[in-house]
Amino acid sequence: MLTQAAWAARIPHAGAMALIDAVVEWDASVIHAVAERHTPEEHPLRSPAGLHAVHLAEYGAQAMAVHGALLGETGGREGRLVSLRDLRLMVEYVDLSGGRMDIHAHRLLADERGAQYLFEVWQQGRLLASGRVTAMHAAAV
């Protein structure tokens, strides 16, 4: 299992906005990451009502960024989320007592301009959200 120290310097997400805590496994096409810090009151995306499921797309996008960093493809370049498609939310709010979330992302395509991934966010064997994210490197936007 890899912790944030393995990629933190190579992605733009920092501090409380670094939502991915660890990577369970990864290869050239997929990444399985986990997030366990979604319960604190000071979560940057959490409202008084809780953590809305729409924010799970950010977890998918960050898994994509971490995957690119682990593959050595980002080269320190910042990316911009340019598209979120086919977003499916199975819950309205994340169950804060449900424990860790598992984020699975599968690379559909990538080149020097950016990448596109499918993602799913699970909690205790229950699918919470899925979708497709596209990010482009800042110089390509």
N, C-alpha and C. Protein backbone atom coordinates (compact mmCIF):
# COMPACT_ATOMS: atom_id res chain seq x y z
N MET A 1 0.85 -1.18 0.00
CA MET A 1 0.00 0.00 0.00
C MET A 1 0.89 1.24 0.00
N LEU A 2 0.58 2.19 -0.87
CA LEU A 2 1.32 3.45 -0.95
C LEU A 2 0.55 4.55 -0.23
N THR A 3 1.27 5.38 0.50
CA THR A 3 0.64 6.52 1.17
C THR A 3 0.86 7.78 0.35
N GLN A 4 0.27 8.88 0.79
CA GLN A 4 0.37 10.16 0.08
C GLN A 4 1.81 10.58 -0.19
N ALA A 5 2.73 10.20 0.66
CA ALA A 5 4.13 10.59 0.48
C ALA A 5 4.68 10.14 -0.87
N ALA A 6 4.12 9.08 -1.43
CA ALA A 6 4.60 8.55 -2.71
C ALA A 6 4.25 9.44 -3.90
N TRP A 7 3.24 10.30 -3.76
CA TRP A 7 2.81 11.12 -4.91
C TRP A 7 2.53 12.57 -4.56
N ALA A 8 2.50 12.94 -3.32
CA ALA A 8 2.04 14.27 -2.90
C ALA A 8 2.73 15.42 -3.63
N ALA A 9 4.01 15.30 -3.88
CA ALA A 9 4.75 16.39 -4.53
C ALA A 9 4.45 16.50 -6.02
N ARG A 10 3.78 15.49 -6.59
CA ARG A 10 3.55 15.48 -8.03
C ARG A 10 2.11 15.75 -8.44
N ILE A 11 1.26 16.13 -7.49
CA ILE A 11 -0.12 16.49 -7.83
C ILE A 11 -0.42 17.86 -7.22
N PRO A 12 -1.38 18.59 -7.77
CA PRO A 12 -1.67 19.93 -7.26
C PRO A 12 -2.51 19.94 -5.99
N HIS A 13 -3.12 18.82 -5.63
CA HIS A 13 -3.99 18.77 -4.46
C HIS A 13 -3.13 18.70 -3.20
N ALA A 14 -3.39 19.60 -2.25
CA ALA A 14 -2.57 19.65 -1.04
C ALA A 14 -3.44 19.94 0.17
N GLY A 15 -2.88 19.71 1.33
CA GLY A 15 -3.58 19.99 2.57
C GLY A 15 -4.87 19.21 2.66
N ALA A 16 -5.90 19.86 3.14
CA ALA A 16 -7.20 19.20 3.31
C ALA A 16 -7.82 18.78 1.99
N MET A 17 -7.42 19.42 0.87
CA MET A 17 -7.98 19.05 -0.44
C MET A 17 -7.30 17.83 -1.05
N ALA A 18 -6.28 17.27 -0.43
CA ALA A 18 -5.70 16.01 -0.88
C ALA A 18 -6.57 14.90 -0.29
N LEU A 19 -7.53 14.43 -1.05
CA LEU A 19 -8.58 13.55 -0.54
C LEU A 19 -8.21 12.07 -0.55
N ILE A 20 -7.25 11.68 -1.36
CA ILE A 20 -6.85 10.28 -1.45
C ILE A 20 -5.81 10.01 -0.36
N ASP A 21 -6.06 9.00 0.47
CA ASP A 21 -5.16 8.69 1.57
C ASP A 21 -4.11 7.64 1.21
N ALA A 22 -4.49 6.67 0.39
CA ALA A 22 -3.56 5.59 0.06
C ALA A 22 -3.97 4.94 -1.25
N VAL A 23 -3.02 4.24 -1.83
CA VAL A 23 -3.27 3.45 -3.04
C VAL A 23 -3.06 1.99 -2.69
N VAL A 24 -4.09 1.18 -2.89
CA VAL A 24 -4.04 -0.23 -2.58
C VAL A 24 -3.28 -0.98 -3.67
N GLU A 25 -3.62 -0.69 -4.93
CA GLU A 25 -2.92 -1.30 -6.06
C GLU A 25 -3.12 -0.44 -7.30
N TRP A 26 -2.20 -0.62 -8.24
CA TRP A 26 -2.28 0.11 -9.49
C TRP A 26 -1.40 -0.57 -10.52
N ASP A 27 -1.75 -0.36 -11.79
CA ASP A 27 -0.91 -0.80 -12.89
C ASP A 27 -1.06 0.25 -13.99
N ALA A 28 -0.69 -0.07 -15.20
CA ALA A 28 -0.71 0.91 -16.28
C ALA A 28 -2.12 1.38 -16.64
N SER A 29 -3.14 0.61 -16.29
CA SER A 29 -4.51 0.93 -16.71
C SER A 29 -5.46 1.32 -15.59
N VAL A 30 -5.22 0.83 -14.39
CA VAL A 30 -6.18 1.03 -13.30
C VAL A 30 -5.49 1.44 -12.01
N ILE A 31 -6.30 2.04 -11.14
CA ILE A 31 -5.84 2.37 -9.79
C ILE A 31 -6.98 2.08 -8.82
N HIS A 32 -6.63 1.55 -7.67
CA HIS A 32 -7.57 1.36 -6.56
C HIS A 32 -7.01 2.17 -5.40
N ALA A 33 -7.68 3.26 -5.09
CA ALA A 33 -7.27 4.16 -4.02
C ALA A 33 -8.31 4.12 -2.91
N VAL A 34 -7.91 4.61 -1.74
CA VAL A 34 -8.84 4.68 -0.62
C VAL A 34 -8.81 6.07 0.02
N ALA A 35 -9.95 6.41 0.59
CA ALA A 35 -10.09 7.68 1.31
C ALA A 35 -10.76 7.37 2.65
N GLU A 36 -10.15 7.87 3.70
CA GLU A 36 -10.69 7.60 5.03
C GLU A 36 -10.94 8.87 5.83
N ARG A 37 -10.58 10.02 5.29
CA ARG A 37 -10.70 11.27 6.03
C ARG A 37 -11.92 12.09 5.61
N HIS A 38 -13.00 11.44 5.23
CA HIS A 38 -14.19 12.17 4.77
C HIS A 38 -15.15 12.51 5.91
N THR A 39 -14.84 12.09 7.13
CA THR A 39 -15.76 12.33 8.24
C THR A 39 -15.50 13.61 9.04
N PRO A 40 -14.30 14.16 9.08
CA PRO A 40 -14.09 15.33 9.94
C PRO A 40 -14.97 16.52 9.57
N GLU A 41 -15.33 17.27 10.58
CA GLU A 41 -16.14 18.47 10.37
C GLU A 41 -15.44 19.46 9.46
N GLU A 42 -14.12 19.47 9.44
CA GLU A 42 -13.39 20.44 8.64
C GLU A 42 -13.11 19.97 7.21
N HIS A 43 -13.80 18.93 6.75
CA HIS A 43 -13.64 18.46 5.37
C HIS A 43 -13.95 19.62 4.43
N PRO A 44 -13.09 19.90 3.46
CA PRO A 44 -13.28 21.10 2.62
C PRO A 44 -14.51 21.08 1.72
N LEU A 45 -15.08 19.93 1.45
CA LEU A 45 -16.25 19.84 0.58
C LEU A 45 -17.54 19.57 1.33
N ARG A 46 -17.45 19.43 2.62
CA ARG A 46 -18.60 19.07 3.44
C ARG A 46 -19.39 20.31 3.85
N SER A 47 -20.70 20.24 3.67
CA SER A 47 -21.60 21.31 4.12
C SER A 47 -22.16 20.92 5.48
N PRO A 48 -22.95 21.79 6.10
CA PRO A 48 -23.59 21.41 7.37
C PRO A 48 -24.47 20.16 7.23
N ALA A 49 -24.99 19.91 6.03
CA ALA A 49 -25.84 18.73 5.81
C ALA A 49 -25.02 17.45 5.63
N GLY A 50 -23.74 17.57 5.34
CA GLY A 50 -22.88 16.40 5.14
C GLY A 50 -22.09 16.50 3.85
N LEU A 51 -21.51 15.38 3.45
CA LEU A 51 -20.72 15.32 2.22
C LEU A 51 -21.65 14.86 1.09
N HIS A 52 -22.03 15.78 0.21
CA HIS A 52 -22.95 15.46 -0.88
C HIS A 52 -22.25 14.54 -1.87
N ALA A 53 -23.00 13.60 -2.41
CA ALA A 53 -22.44 12.61 -3.33
C ALA A 53 -21.85 13.24 -4.59
N VAL A 54 -22.30 14.41 -5.00
CA VAL A 54 -21.74 15.03 -6.20
C VAL A 54 -20.23 15.26 -6.04
N HIS A 55 -19.79 15.43 -4.81
CA HIS A 55 -18.36 15.66 -4.57
C HIS A 55 -17.51 14.40 -4.77
N LEU A 56 -18.17 13.27 -4.91
CA LEU A 56 -17.41 12.04 -5.16
C LEU A 56 -16.73 12.08 -6.52
N ALA A 57 -17.21 12.92 -7.43
CA ALA A 57 -16.52 13.11 -8.71
C ALA A 57 -15.12 13.65 -8.48
N GLU A 58 -14.93 14.48 -7.46
CA GLU A 58 -13.59 14.99 -7.14
C GLU A 58 -12.68 13.86 -6.68
N TYR A 59 -13.23 12.90 -5.96
CA TYR A 59 -12.43 11.74 -5.56
C TYR A 59 -11.99 10.96 -6.79
N GLY A 60 -12.87 10.79 -7.76
CA GLY A 60 -12.51 10.12 -9.00
C GLY A 60 -11.44 10.87 -9.76
N ALA A 61 -11.58 12.20 -9.83
CA ALA A 61 -10.58 13.02 -10.53
C ALA A 61 -9.24 12.98 -9.82
N GLN A 62 -9.25 12.97 -8.50
CA GLN A 62 -7.98 12.91 -7.78
C GLN A 62 -7.32 11.54 -7.93
N ALA A 63 -8.12 10.47 -8.01
CA ALA A 63 -7.54 9.15 -8.27
C ALA A 63 -6.85 9.14 -9.63
N MET A 64 -7.45 9.82 -10.61
CA MET A 64 -6.85 9.94 -11.93
C MET A 64 -5.52 10.69 -11.84
N ALA A 65 -5.47 11.78 -11.08
CA ALA A 65 -4.24 12.56 -10.93
C ALA A 65 -3.16 11.74 -10.23
N VAL A 66 -3.54 11.01 -9.21
CA VAL A 66 -2.58 10.17 -8.49
C VAL A 66 -2.04 9.09 -9.42
N HIS A 67 -2.90 8.49 -10.23
CA HIS A 67 -2.47 7.46 -11.17
C HIS A 67 -1.45 8.02 -12.15
N GLY A 68 -1.74 9.18 -12.71
CA GLY A 68 -0.78 9.81 -13.63
C GLY A 68 0.55 10.10 -12.95
N ALA A 69 0.50 10.55 -11.70
CA ALA A 69 1.73 10.82 -10.97
C ALA A 69 2.53 9.55 -10.73
N LEU A 70 1.85 8.47 -10.36
CA LEU A 70 2.55 7.20 -10.12
C LEU A 70 3.16 6.64 -11.40
N LEU A 71 2.50 6.91 -12.53
CA LEU A 71 3.04 6.46 -13.81
C LEU A 71 4.17 7.37 -14.30
N GLY A 72 4.38 8.48 -13.61
CA GLY A 72 5.43 9.42 -14.00
C GLY A 72 5.08 10.25 -15.20
N GLU A 73 3.78 10.39 -15.49
CA GLU A 73 3.37 11.08 -16.70
C GLU A 73 3.05 12.55 -16.51
N THR A 74 2.83 12.96 -15.28
CA THR A 74 2.42 14.35 -15.08
C THR A 74 3.60 15.30 -15.15
N GLY A 75 4.76 14.84 -14.77
CA GLY A 75 5.96 15.68 -14.84
C GLY A 75 5.79 17.00 -14.10
N GLY A 76 4.96 17.00 -13.07
CA GLY A 76 4.74 18.23 -12.32
C GLY A 76 3.77 19.20 -12.97
N ARG A 77 3.24 18.84 -14.16
CA ARG A 77 2.29 19.72 -14.85
C ARG A 77 0.93 19.66 -14.17
N GLU A 78 0.34 20.81 -14.00
CA GLU A 78 -1.01 20.85 -13.45
C GLU A 78 -2.00 20.51 -14.55
N GLY A 79 -3.10 19.91 -14.13
CA GLY A 79 -4.17 19.60 -15.05
C GLY A 79 -5.43 20.34 -14.68
N ARG A 80 -6.36 20.38 -15.59
CA ARG A 80 -7.66 21.00 -15.38
C ARG A 80 -8.74 19.99 -15.70
N LEU A 81 -9.69 19.85 -14.81
CA LEU A 81 -10.83 19.00 -15.08
C LEU A 81 -11.68 19.71 -16.12
N VAL A 82 -11.83 19.12 -17.29
CA VAL A 82 -12.55 19.79 -18.38
C VAL A 82 -13.88 19.14 -18.70
N SER A 83 -14.10 17.92 -18.20
CA SER A 83 -15.35 17.25 -18.52
C SER A 83 -15.69 16.23 -17.45
N LEU A 84 -16.96 16.21 -17.08
CA LEU A 84 -17.51 15.20 -16.19
C LEU A 84 -18.77 14.70 -16.88
N ARG A 85 -18.78 13.43 -17.24
CA ARG A 85 -19.90 12.87 -18.01
C ARG A 85 -20.41 11.60 -17.34
N ASP A 86 -21.64 11.29 -17.67
CA ASP A 86 -22.28 10.05 -17.21
C ASP A 86 -22.21 9.88 -15.70
N LEU A 87 -22.29 10.99 -14.97
CA LEU A 87 -22.25 10.92 -13.52
C LEU A 87 -23.52 10.26 -13.00
N ARG A 88 -23.33 9.22 -12.22
CA ARG A 88 -24.45 8.51 -11.59
C ARG A 88 -24.24 8.54 -10.09
N LEU A 89 -25.20 9.08 -9.38
CA LEU A 89 -25.16 9.14 -7.92
C LEU A 89 -26.20 8.18 -7.36
N MET A 90 -25.75 7.22 -6.57
CA MET A 90 -26.66 6.23 -6.00
C MET A 90 -27.18 6.64 -4.63
N VAL A 91 -26.57 7.66 -4.03
CA VAL A 91 -26.98 8.19 -2.74
C VAL A 91 -26.97 9.70 -2.85
N GLU A 92 -27.61 10.37 -1.91
CA GLU A 92 -27.54 11.83 -1.91
C GLU A 92 -26.37 12.32 -1.08
N TYR A 93 -26.14 11.67 0.07
CA TYR A 93 -25.03 12.03 0.94
C TYR A 93 -24.25 10.78 1.31
N VAL A 94 -22.96 10.96 1.53
CA VAL A 94 -22.09 9.85 1.94
C VAL A 94 -22.39 9.52 3.40
N ASP A 95 -22.48 8.23 3.70
CA ASP A 95 -22.67 7.77 5.07
C ASP A 95 -21.36 7.97 5.83
N LEU A 96 -21.33 8.97 6.68
CA LEU A 96 -20.09 9.32 7.38
C LEU A 96 -19.67 8.26 8.38
N SER A 97 -20.58 7.39 8.77
CA SER A 97 -20.22 6.32 9.69
C SER A 97 -19.89 5.03 8.94
N GLY A 98 -19.91 5.08 7.62
CA GLY A 98 -19.72 3.89 6.80
C GLY A 98 -18.29 3.44 6.59
N GLY A 99 -17.32 4.20 7.10
CA GLY A 99 -15.93 3.81 6.94
C GLY A 99 -15.33 4.26 5.63
N ARG A 100 -14.22 3.65 5.31
CA ARG A 100 -13.43 4.10 4.16
C ARG A 100 -14.20 3.98 2.85
N MET A 101 -13.80 4.82 1.90
CA MET A 101 -14.33 4.74 0.55
C MET A 101 -13.23 4.17 -0.35
N ASP A 102 -13.63 3.31 -1.26
CA ASP A 102 -12.72 2.73 -2.24
C ASP A 102 -13.00 3.39 -3.58
N ILE A 103 -11.95 3.95 -4.17
CA ILE A 103 -12.08 4.63 -5.45
C ILE A 103 -11.35 3.81 -6.49
N HIS A 104 -12.08 3.40 -7.51
CA HIS A 104 -11.51 2.62 -8.61
C HIS A 104 -11.57 3.49 -9.86
N ALA A 105 -10.45 3.64 -10.54
CA ALA A 105 -10.42 4.42 -11.78
C ALA A 105 -9.73 3.60 -12.86
N HIS A 106 -10.32 3.63 -14.04
CA HIS A 106 -9.80 2.88 -15.20
C HIS A 106 -9.51 3.86 -16.33
N ARG A 107 -8.29 3.86 -16.78
CA ARG A 107 -7.86 4.76 -17.85
C ARG A 107 -8.46 4.33 -19.18
N LEU A 108 -9.14 5.27 -19.82
CA LEU A 108 -9.68 5.01 -21.16
C LEU A 108 -8.69 5.45 -22.23
N LEU A 109 -8.08 6.62 -22.02
CA LEU A 109 -7.06 7.12 -22.95
C LEU A 109 -6.22 8.17 -22.25
N ALA A 110 -5.02 8.34 -22.77
CA ALA A 110 -4.11 9.36 -22.24
C ALA A 110 -3.06 9.66 -23.29
N ASP A 111 -2.67 10.93 -23.36
CA ASP A 111 -1.56 11.35 -24.20
C ASP A 111 -0.93 12.58 -23.55
N GLU A 112 -0.07 13.27 -24.28
CA GLU A 112 0.63 14.42 -23.71
C GLU A 112 -0.30 15.58 -23.37
N ARG A 113 -1.52 15.56 -23.90
CA ARG A 113 -2.47 16.65 -23.64
C ARG A 113 -3.32 16.42 -22.40
N GLY A 114 -3.58 15.16 -22.04
CA GLY A 114 -4.42 14.88 -20.89
C GLY A 114 -4.85 13.43 -20.86
N ALA A 115 -5.93 13.17 -20.11
CA ALA A 115 -6.39 11.79 -19.94
C ALA A 115 -7.88 11.75 -19.65
N GLN A 116 -8.47 10.56 -19.88
CA GLN A 116 -9.88 10.31 -19.59
C GLN A 116 -9.98 8.99 -18.84
N TYR A 117 -10.77 9.00 -17.78
CA TYR A 117 -10.93 7.82 -16.93
C TYR A 117 -12.40 7.58 -16.60
N LEU A 118 -12.74 6.32 -16.39
CA LEU A 118 -13.99 5.93 -15.75
C LEU A 118 -13.67 5.77 -14.27
N PHE A 119 -14.59 6.15 -13.40
CA PHE A 119 -14.35 5.96 -11.97
C PHE A 119 -15.60 5.43 -11.29
N GLU A 120 -15.38 4.76 -10.17
CA GLU A 120 -16.45 4.30 -9.28
C GLU A 120 -15.98 4.54 -7.86
N VAL A 121 -16.90 4.95 -7.00
CA VAL A 121 -16.61 5.13 -5.58
C VAL A 121 -17.54 4.18 -4.81
N TRP A 122 -16.92 3.35 -3.99
CA TRP A 122 -17.64 2.33 -3.22
C TRP A 122 -17.43 2.55 -1.73
N GLN A 123 -18.40 2.09 -0.95
CA GLN A 123 -18.26 2.11 0.50
C GLN A 123 -18.96 0.87 1.04
N GLN A 124 -18.20 0.03 1.72
CA GLN A 124 -18.72 -1.22 2.29
C GLN A 124 -19.48 -2.05 1.27
N GLY A 125 -18.91 -2.19 0.08
CA GLY A 125 -19.52 -3.01 -0.96
C GLY A 125 -20.70 -2.38 -1.67
N ARG A 126 -20.95 -1.11 -1.41
CA ARG A 126 -22.08 -0.40 -2.03
C ARG A 126 -21.55 0.69 -2.96
N LEU A 127 -22.00 0.65 -4.21
CA LEU A 127 -21.61 1.68 -5.17
C LEU A 127 -22.30 2.99 -4.81
N LEU A 128 -21.50 4.05 -4.61
CA LEU A 128 -22.03 5.37 -4.27
C LEU A 128 -22.16 6.27 -5.49
N ALA A 129 -21.15 6.20 -6.37
CA ALA A 129 -21.12 7.09 -7.53
C ALA A 129 -20.22 6.51 -8.60
N SER A 130 -20.50 6.91 -9.85
CA SER A 130 -19.63 6.52 -10.97
C SER A 130 -19.72 7.59 -12.03
N GLY A 131 -18.76 7.60 -12.92
CA GLY A 131 -18.77 8.58 -13.99
C GLY A 131 -17.51 8.51 -14.81
N ARG A 132 -17.36 9.51 -15.67
CA ARG A 132 -16.21 9.59 -16.56
C ARG A 132 -15.66 11.01 -16.45
N VAL A 133 -14.36 11.11 -16.17
CA VAL A 133 -13.72 12.41 -16.03
C VAL A 133 -12.62 12.57 -17.08
N THR A 134 -12.50 13.80 -17.57
CA THR A 134 -11.43 14.14 -18.51
C THR A 134 -10.69 15.33 -17.95
N ALA A 135 -9.38 15.23 -17.96
CA ALA A 135 -8.54 16.35 -17.53
C ALA A 135 -7.52 16.62 -18.62
N MET A 136 -7.18 17.88 -18.77
CA MET A 136 -6.14 18.26 -19.74
C MET A 136 -5.06 19.01 -18.97
N HIS A 137 -3.82 18.83 -19.43
CA HIS A 137 -2.73 19.56 -18.82
C HIS A 137 -2.91 21.04 -19.13
N ALA A 138 -2.55 21.88 -18.19
CA ALA A 138 -2.80 23.33 -18.30
C ALA A 138 -2.27 23.91 -19.61
N ALA A 139 -1.12 23.46 -20.06
CA ALA A 139 -0.55 23.98 -21.30
C ALA A 139 -1.38 23.59 -22.54
N ALA A 140 -2.16 22.52 -22.42
CA ALA A 140 -2.96 22.05 -23.57
C ALA A 140 -4.34 22.68 -23.61
N VAL A 141 -4.77 23.31 -22.51
CA VAL A 141 -6.12 23.85 -22.45
C VAL A 141 -6.26 25.08 -23.29
